Structure formats: structure tokens, C-alpha cells
Amino acid sequence: MLTIDEMEHLIATWIVAVWQRRRLGEYAPSWDPGGDHSPNTLFAASFAQAGLAMGIPSPELFYELLPAHYVGIDARRGVKIRDLWYDGPALADYRGQRSTRGGQHKGKWVIRRDPRDRRRAFFQDPLTHYWHPLEWTGLPPDGQAPAFGDARVRELMAKVRASGM
């Protein structure tokens, strides 16, 4: 019996030693259809042609790729995103104010959320550009709630609406 780490190493070794060395055959590149190419040789050819331009993304990219919601900030409750209220100290200076944003979402603030973990949302301060977590206001003390996603929120809100709460 293998551990998860041993299984991961076994699969990674097989990918490098077998899968990436396989001959492409009919899937060879159009610029050399009769050539003897594998994923490894094509990768090496791309480096020989263009070099390595490695760009490491900034940590903020995580937040910027999350789904965006354009909302107002309630003076007492914070922000409401898909039936849940979120709040945090980062909203203190912006409560009850409109954003300076123009266009389609004029006056709205951008809040981002991770659909896989609805315990918190994220707010970027327009002055410092620092990302701040906003906690779900229904979260028990000491963060005892496990992560839950969009599907679970929809299910729970349907039950709440059906019970007439």
C-alpha cells in the first residue's frame, strides 16, 4: 500500500519518464510532420526559439482573478454578496459612501469572493491598494465554521426562504 506522497511521486516519475517522452506521431507539429517529436522535444524547441521569459505573478493576482461583485457599502451591515453579509474594519472609512468609480458600475465598490470558500470576501482599499478580508457576519467566534461554497449557500438560502424566516 502506498501513501499519498509515494503515489504522487510515482505518477510524477511516470509522466516525466514515459508520457512526456512519447512520440507524437500524427500529432506532430505542422512545421515538421515527419520529425521525431515528443512533448519534451517541443518544449526544448520553444526555448531554443524564444528563450525563457519567466514572469512570476504578484500575490495580488489571486484576488484579481476572483469573481467581482459591484455593491454599495451599507453604513451598519457592510456589504451583501449573494445573500450573505460581510464586514470588516477595512470598510470603516467607506461606510455609506459611494465609490468614485464611473461607467457601468458607477458609485459601486468592487468586492471579490472565492466561490469555494464563502466565509470571507475581499476588499481592495482604493488608497493603499491593499487587499483586506471581510468576514461573513454569520461566522461563529474563533472561525469554527468549515469552508463552504456557492452550492451550499444556495441550498441553505432556499431552506430559509421556504421556512419563511
Protein backbone atom coordinates (compact mmCIF):
# COMPACT_ATOMS: atom_id res chain seq x y z
CA MET A 1 0.00 0.00 0.00
CA LEU A 2 1.33 3.44 -0.97
CA THR A 3 1.00 6.71 0.87
CA ILE A 4 -0.36 9.75 -0.99
CA ASP A 5 3.15 11.22 -1.21
CA GLU A 6 4.55 7.96 -2.64
CA MET A 7 1.69 7.77 -5.15
CA GLU A 8 2.24 11.39 -6.22
CA HIS A 9 5.97 10.68 -6.72
CA LEU A 10 5.19 7.53 -8.71
CA ILE A 11 2.79 9.39 -11.03
CA ALA A 12 5.17 12.33 -11.49
CA THR A 13 8.02 9.96 -12.33
CA TRP A 14 5.86 8.13 -14.89
CA ILE A 15 4.82 11.44 -16.51
CA VAL A 16 8.43 12.58 -16.88
CA ALA A 17 9.88 9.21 -17.90
CA VAL A 18 7.07 7.91 -20.15
CA TRP A 19 4.30 10.35 -21.05
CA GLN A 20 6.44 13.37 -21.90
CA ARG A 21 8.85 11.23 -23.96
CA ARG A 22 6.19 9.56 -26.15
CA ARG A 23 6.42 10.06 -29.91
CA LEU A 24 3.67 12.37 -31.15
CA GLY A 25 3.14 10.59 -34.48
CA GLU A 26 0.12 12.08 -36.29
CA TYR A 27 0.01 14.91 -33.72
CA ALA A 28 3.46 16.16 -34.71
CA PRO A 29 3.77 19.89 -35.42
CA SER A 30 2.80 21.10 -38.89
CA TRP A 31 6.26 22.61 -39.39
CA ASP A 32 7.88 19.15 -39.14
CA PRO A 33 5.26 16.41 -39.68
CA GLY A 34 7.81 13.65 -40.29
CA GLY A 35 10.01 14.60 -37.35
CA ASP A 36 10.51 12.53 -34.26
CA HIS A 37 8.89 14.79 -31.66
CA SER A 38 7.71 14.37 -28.09
CA PRO A 39 6.32 16.94 -25.65
CA ASN A 40 9.86 17.26 -24.23
CA THR A 41 11.47 17.98 -27.63
CA LEU A 42 8.79 20.55 -28.50
CA PHE A 43 9.32 22.26 -25.14
CA ALA A 44 13.07 22.36 -25.78
CA ALA A 45 12.48 23.71 -29.32
CA SER A 46 10.32 26.53 -27.96
CA PHE A 47 13.13 27.54 -25.57
CA ALA A 48 15.69 27.41 -28.36
CA GLN A 49 13.47 29.63 -30.49
CA ALA A 50 12.22 32.20 -27.96
CA GLY A 51 14.23 31.74 -24.78
CA LEU A 52 12.84 31.73 -21.27
CA ALA A 53 10.75 34.70 -20.23
CA MET A 54 9.68 33.72 -16.76
CA GLY A 55 7.31 36.14 -15.14
CA ILE A 56 6.30 35.39 -11.59
CA PRO A 57 2.84 36.80 -10.89
CA SER A 58 2.31 39.09 -7.94
CA PRO A 59 0.42 37.73 -4.91
CA GLU A 60 -2.40 40.21 -5.68
CA LEU A 61 -3.22 38.25 -8.84
CA PHE A 62 -5.10 35.73 -6.66
CA TYR A 63 -7.59 38.41 -5.63
CA GLU A 64 -7.81 39.98 -9.08
CA LEU A 65 -8.85 36.64 -10.63
CA LEU A 66 -11.68 36.05 -8.16
CA PRO A 67 -15.24 36.88 -9.29
CA ALA A 68 -16.05 40.57 -8.81
CA HIS A 69 -19.25 41.98 -7.32
CA TYR A 70 -20.15 45.65 -7.55
CA VAL A 71 -22.03 46.69 -4.44
CA GLY A 72 -22.76 49.55 -2.10
CA ILE A 73 -21.37 49.58 1.44
CA ASP A 74 -24.17 49.70 3.99
CA ALA A 75 -23.44 52.08 6.87
CA ARG A 76 -24.29 49.45 9.52
CA ARG A 77 -24.01 46.00 7.96
CA GLY A 78 -21.13 46.10 5.46
CA VAL A 79 -21.63 44.51 2.03
CA LYS A 80 -24.11 41.91 0.83
CA ILE A 81 -22.93 39.39 -1.74
CA ARG A 82 -25.20 36.62 -2.92
CA ASP A 83 -27.38 36.60 0.21
CA LEU A 84 -24.53 36.79 2.77
CA TRP A 85 -23.34 39.91 4.62
CA TYR A 86 -19.62 40.61 5.02
CA ASP A 87 -17.95 43.22 7.18
CA GLY A 88 -14.57 44.25 8.48
CA PRO A 89 -12.52 47.18 9.78
CA ALA A 90 -11.31 47.99 6.25
CA LEU A 91 -14.79 49.30 5.40
CA ALA A 92 -14.84 51.84 8.24
CA ASP A 93 -13.74 54.84 6.16
CA TYR A 94 -16.10 53.99 3.30
CA ARG A 95 -19.39 53.17 5.05
CA GLY A 96 -22.37 54.84 3.44
CA GLN A 97 -20.17 56.46 0.77
CA ARG A 98 -20.30 55.94 -2.96
CA SER A 99 -17.26 54.80 -4.89
CA THR A 100 -15.60 57.19 -7.32
CA ARG A 101 -15.97 54.50 -9.99
CA GLY A 102 -17.69 55.60 -13.18
CA GLY A 103 -19.13 53.71 -16.11
CA GLN A 104 -21.42 50.72 -15.88
CA HIS A 105 -20.83 50.25 -12.13
CA LYS A 106 -20.85 53.94 -11.22
CA GLY A 107 -20.70 54.57 -7.48
CA LYS A 108 -20.30 50.86 -6.61
CA TRP A 109 -17.43 49.24 -4.74
CA VAL A 110 -15.64 46.13 -6.02
CA ILE A 111 -15.72 43.17 -3.67
CA ARG A 112 -14.20 39.84 -4.70
CA ARG A 113 -15.07 36.42 -3.35
CA ASP A 114 -13.79 32.89 -3.66
CA PRO A 115 -16.72 30.68 -4.79
CA ARG A 116 -15.11 27.70 -3.00
CA ASP A 117 -14.94 29.43 0.39
CA ARG A 118 -17.76 31.82 1.25
CA ARG A 119 -16.58 32.52 4.81
CA ARG A 120 -14.90 35.71 3.61
CA ALA A 121 -14.81 38.20 0.76
CA PHE A 122 -12.05 40.64 -0.17
CA PHE A 123 -11.98 44.42 -0.44
CA GLN A 124 -9.15 46.43 -2.02
CA ASP A 125 -8.63 49.79 -0.34
CA PRO A 126 -8.68 52.40 -3.12
CA LEU A 127 -5.99 54.49 -1.41
CA THR A 128 -3.45 51.87 -0.31
CA HIS A 129 -4.44 49.15 -2.84
CA TYR A 130 -4.04 46.62 -0.01
CA TRP A 131 -6.48 43.68 -0.03
CA HIS A 132 -8.49 43.21 3.17
CA PRO A 133 -10.53 40.15 4.11
CA LEU A 134 -14.15 40.81 5.07
CA GLU A 135 -15.56 38.15 7.35
CA TRP A 136 -19.04 36.69 6.89
CA THR A 137 -21.09 38.25 9.68
CA GLY A 138 -22.77 34.89 10.40
CA LEU A 139 -19.42 33.26 11.20
CA PRO A 140 -19.22 31.78 14.71
CA PRO A 141 -16.47 33.09 17.03
CA ASP A 142 -12.93 31.76 16.55
CA GLY A 143 -13.57 30.76 12.92
CA GLN A 144 -15.15 27.41 13.81
CA ALA A 145 -17.11 27.12 10.57
CA PRO A 146 -15.60 24.90 7.87
CA ALA A 147 -15.21 26.23 4.34
CA PHE A 148 -18.38 26.15 2.25
CA GLY A 149 -19.01 27.15 -1.34
CA ASP A 150 -21.71 28.69 -3.51
CA ALA A 151 -23.72 25.46 -3.82
CA ARG A 152 -24.10 25.14 -0.03
CA VAL A 153 -25.16 28.80 0.30
CA ARG A 154 -27.86 28.37 -2.38
CA GLU A 155 -29.13 25.25 -0.62
CA LEU A 156 -29.26 26.92 2.80
CA MET A 157 -30.90 30.11 1.49
CA ALA A 158 -33.58 28.03 -0.28
CA LYS A 159 -34.38 26.36 3.06
CA VAL A 160 -34.50 29.74 4.82
CA ARG A 161 -36.87 31.17 2.20
CA ALA A 162 -39.09 28.07 2.33
CA SER A 163 -39.40 28.31 6.11
CA GLY A 164 -40.48 31.97 5.84
CA MET A 165 -37.70 33.35 8.05
